[in-house]
Structures are given as structure tokens and as C-alpha cells.
Amino acid sequence: MYLTYDDYVTRGGTLSEDVFSYMESKAERKLDYYTHMRVRYLENDGKPIPKEVSDVIYEFIKFLENPTTTDKTIASYSNGIESFTFNQNVDPFVELYNLAREYLDVDLISAAVE
């Protein structure tokens, strides 16, 4: 477990313990996917897990509670006196990957690192 319920509540989390357990497990699976299981290998090898892992799991859970994207990419523009269309078809899980990239070192995220 990358984030305990007590740590979650201390950070301001409001989910019940049962719902938290489900969401934390889901967040872990996503993080394991994005890190190519490197955090899990650290855990299995008895090496310390960086504090940023629990930080990103907390952010993942918050996002999974309300999966909205902040991607405001312009999909089209017209200038018959201005018209913008913003990208509406954004994969919400891109936000999770962006959070992981923001919080974690490249050696945990990059597929090019062995």
C-alpha cells in the first residue's frame, strides 16, 4: 500500500475507509502501470519508497473521485470574427500520467530507464 488511510485523512481526504481502499488500489494499479512496476520492485526489494509516491497516490485518488481534465487544447479556430473549439475528447487518464510525471523522478517514469 503506497498510502495509508490515516495519511489520506491527515491530508484532507474525506472518503470512507472502504471506498478509500478501493480507490487506493485502483490508483496503485495506474501508478504501477505508469512506472513500469518500478515502485513495486522497490517495495519488494525492501528499498525505501520516495515520499512523492504517496503524494501522487493522494492526487490520483482525488482525480479518480472527480475525473475532469484540465486540457484546454484548441482543436480548431476560425476567424470569420473569431471562433474557437476546444478539445472535448481528452482521455482523462492522461491527467493521471501528467501528475505522475510532475511528482516522480524520471527514473521511475521513463520507459527508457532500466
Protein backbone atom coordinates (compact mmCIF):
# COMPACT_ATOMS: atom_id res chain seq x y z
CA MET A 1 0.00 0.00 0.00
CA TYR A 2 1.51 3.31 -1.10
CA LEU A 3 -0.80 5.49 1.00
CA THR A 4 -2.43 4.54 4.30
CA TYR A 5 -5.93 5.59 5.23
CA ASP A 6 -4.61 7.62 8.18
CA ASP A 7 -2.23 9.54 5.89
CA TYR A 8 -5.08 10.07 3.43
CA VAL A 9 -7.33 11.55 6.12
CA THR A 10 -4.47 13.68 7.50
CA ARG A 11 -4.05 15.24 4.06
CA GLY A 12 -7.74 16.15 3.99
CA GLY A 13 -9.27 13.08 2.33
CA THR A 14 -12.95 12.52 3.03
CA LEU A 15 -13.71 9.06 1.64
CA SER A 16 -14.85 6.27 3.93
CA GLU A 17 -12.21 3.62 4.64
CA ASP A 18 -13.94 1.06 2.38
CA VAL A 19 -14.15 3.44 -0.57
CA PHE A 20 -10.60 4.62 0.09
CA SER A 21 -9.30 1.02 -0.04
CA TYR A 22 -10.90 0.52 -3.44
CA MET A 23 -9.66 3.86 -4.80
CA GLU A 24 -6.15 3.44 -3.39
CA SER A 25 -5.89 0.03 -5.03
CA LYS A 26 -7.06 1.49 -8.34
CA ALA A 27 -4.58 4.37 -8.02
CA GLU A 28 -1.76 1.91 -7.26
CA ARG A 29 -2.53 -0.11 -10.39
CA LYS A 30 -2.39 3.04 -12.51
CA LEU A 31 0.86 4.16 -10.90
CA ASP A 32 2.39 0.70 -11.33
CA TYR A 33 1.47 0.86 -15.00
CA TYR A 34 2.96 4.33 -15.46
CA THR A 35 6.16 3.43 -13.57
CA HIS A 36 6.63 0.06 -15.26
CA MET A 37 6.30 -1.58 -11.81
CA ARG A 38 9.45 0.18 -10.54
CA VAL A 39 7.84 1.35 -7.29
CA ARG A 40 6.55 -2.17 -6.64
CA TYR A 41 10.07 -3.53 -7.23
CA LEU A 42 11.47 -1.02 -4.73
CA GLU A 43 8.90 -2.21 -2.21
CA ASN A 44 9.65 -5.89 -2.89
CA ASP A 45 13.42 -5.30 -2.60
CA GLY A 46 12.99 -3.58 0.77
CA LYS A 47 14.23 -0.25 -0.59
CA PRO A 48 12.65 3.00 0.60
CA ILE A 49 9.74 4.28 -1.44
CA PRO A 50 10.05 8.01 -2.17
CA LYS A 51 7.59 10.25 -0.30
CA GLU A 52 6.43 11.59 -3.67
CA VAL A 53 4.75 8.22 -4.31
CA SER A 54 2.25 8.75 -1.50
CA ASP A 55 1.78 12.33 -2.70
CA VAL A 56 0.92 11.24 -6.22
CA ILE A 57 -1.37 8.45 -4.98
CA TYR A 58 -3.30 11.04 -2.96
CA GLU A 59 -3.61 13.20 -6.08
CA PHE A 60 -4.68 10.17 -8.14
CA ILE A 61 -7.44 9.39 -5.64
CA LYS A 62 -8.66 13.00 -5.70
CA PHE A 63 -8.73 12.87 -9.50
CA LEU A 64 -10.48 9.48 -9.60
CA GLU A 65 -13.18 10.89 -7.31
CA ASN A 66 -13.93 13.59 -9.89
CA PRO A 67 -12.23 12.81 -13.23
CA THR A 68 -12.18 16.12 -15.06
CA THR A 69 -9.47 17.16 -17.44
CA THR A 70 -7.70 20.48 -17.48
CA ASP A 71 -6.61 20.06 -21.11
CA LYS A 72 -7.77 23.18 -22.89
CA THR A 73 -6.13 22.44 -26.22
CA ILE A 74 -7.66 24.31 -29.11
CA ALA A 75 -8.99 21.81 -31.63
CA SER A 76 -9.98 24.39 -34.22
CA TYR A 77 -10.01 28.12 -34.79
CA SER A 78 -11.85 30.24 -37.31
CA ASN A 79 -11.54 33.90 -37.98
CA GLY A 80 -14.75 34.93 -39.53
CA ILE A 81 -14.66 37.11 -36.42
CA GLU A 82 -13.29 34.57 -34.02
CA SER A 83 -14.49 31.13 -33.17
CA PHE A 84 -12.65 28.60 -31.02
CA THR A 85 -13.35 24.92 -30.43
CA PHE A 86 -11.60 23.25 -27.54
CA ASN A 87 -10.62 19.60 -27.42
CA GLN A 88 -13.52 17.73 -25.84
CA ASN A 89 -12.29 14.16 -26.37
CA VAL A 90 -9.39 14.04 -23.95
CA ASP A 91 -8.57 10.77 -22.23
CA PRO A 92 -9.00 11.62 -18.54
CA PHE A 93 -6.21 9.21 -17.60
CA VAL A 94 -3.74 11.49 -19.39
CA GLU A 95 -4.20 13.73 -16.36
CA LEU A 96 -3.03 10.90 -14.09
CA TYR A 97 0.07 10.34 -16.20
CA ASN A 98 0.79 14.07 -16.15
CA LEU A 99 0.52 14.06 -12.34
CA ALA A 100 2.91 11.11 -12.14
CA ARG A 101 5.40 12.90 -14.39
CA GLU A 102 5.09 16.03 -12.28
CA TYR A 103 5.65 14.29 -8.93
CA LEU A 104 8.08 11.47 -9.68
CA ASP A 105 11.69 11.32 -10.83
CA VAL A 106 12.28 10.40 -14.44
CA ASP A 107 13.97 7.13 -13.42
CA LEU A 108 10.59 5.91 -12.13
CA ILE A 109 8.53 7.07 -15.11
CA SER A 110 10.63 6.77 -18.24
CA ALA A 111 10.42 3.59 -20.30
CA ALA A 112 13.98 4.30 -21.47
CA VAL A 113 15.47 3.78 -17.99
CA GLU A 114 16.35 0.27 -16.88
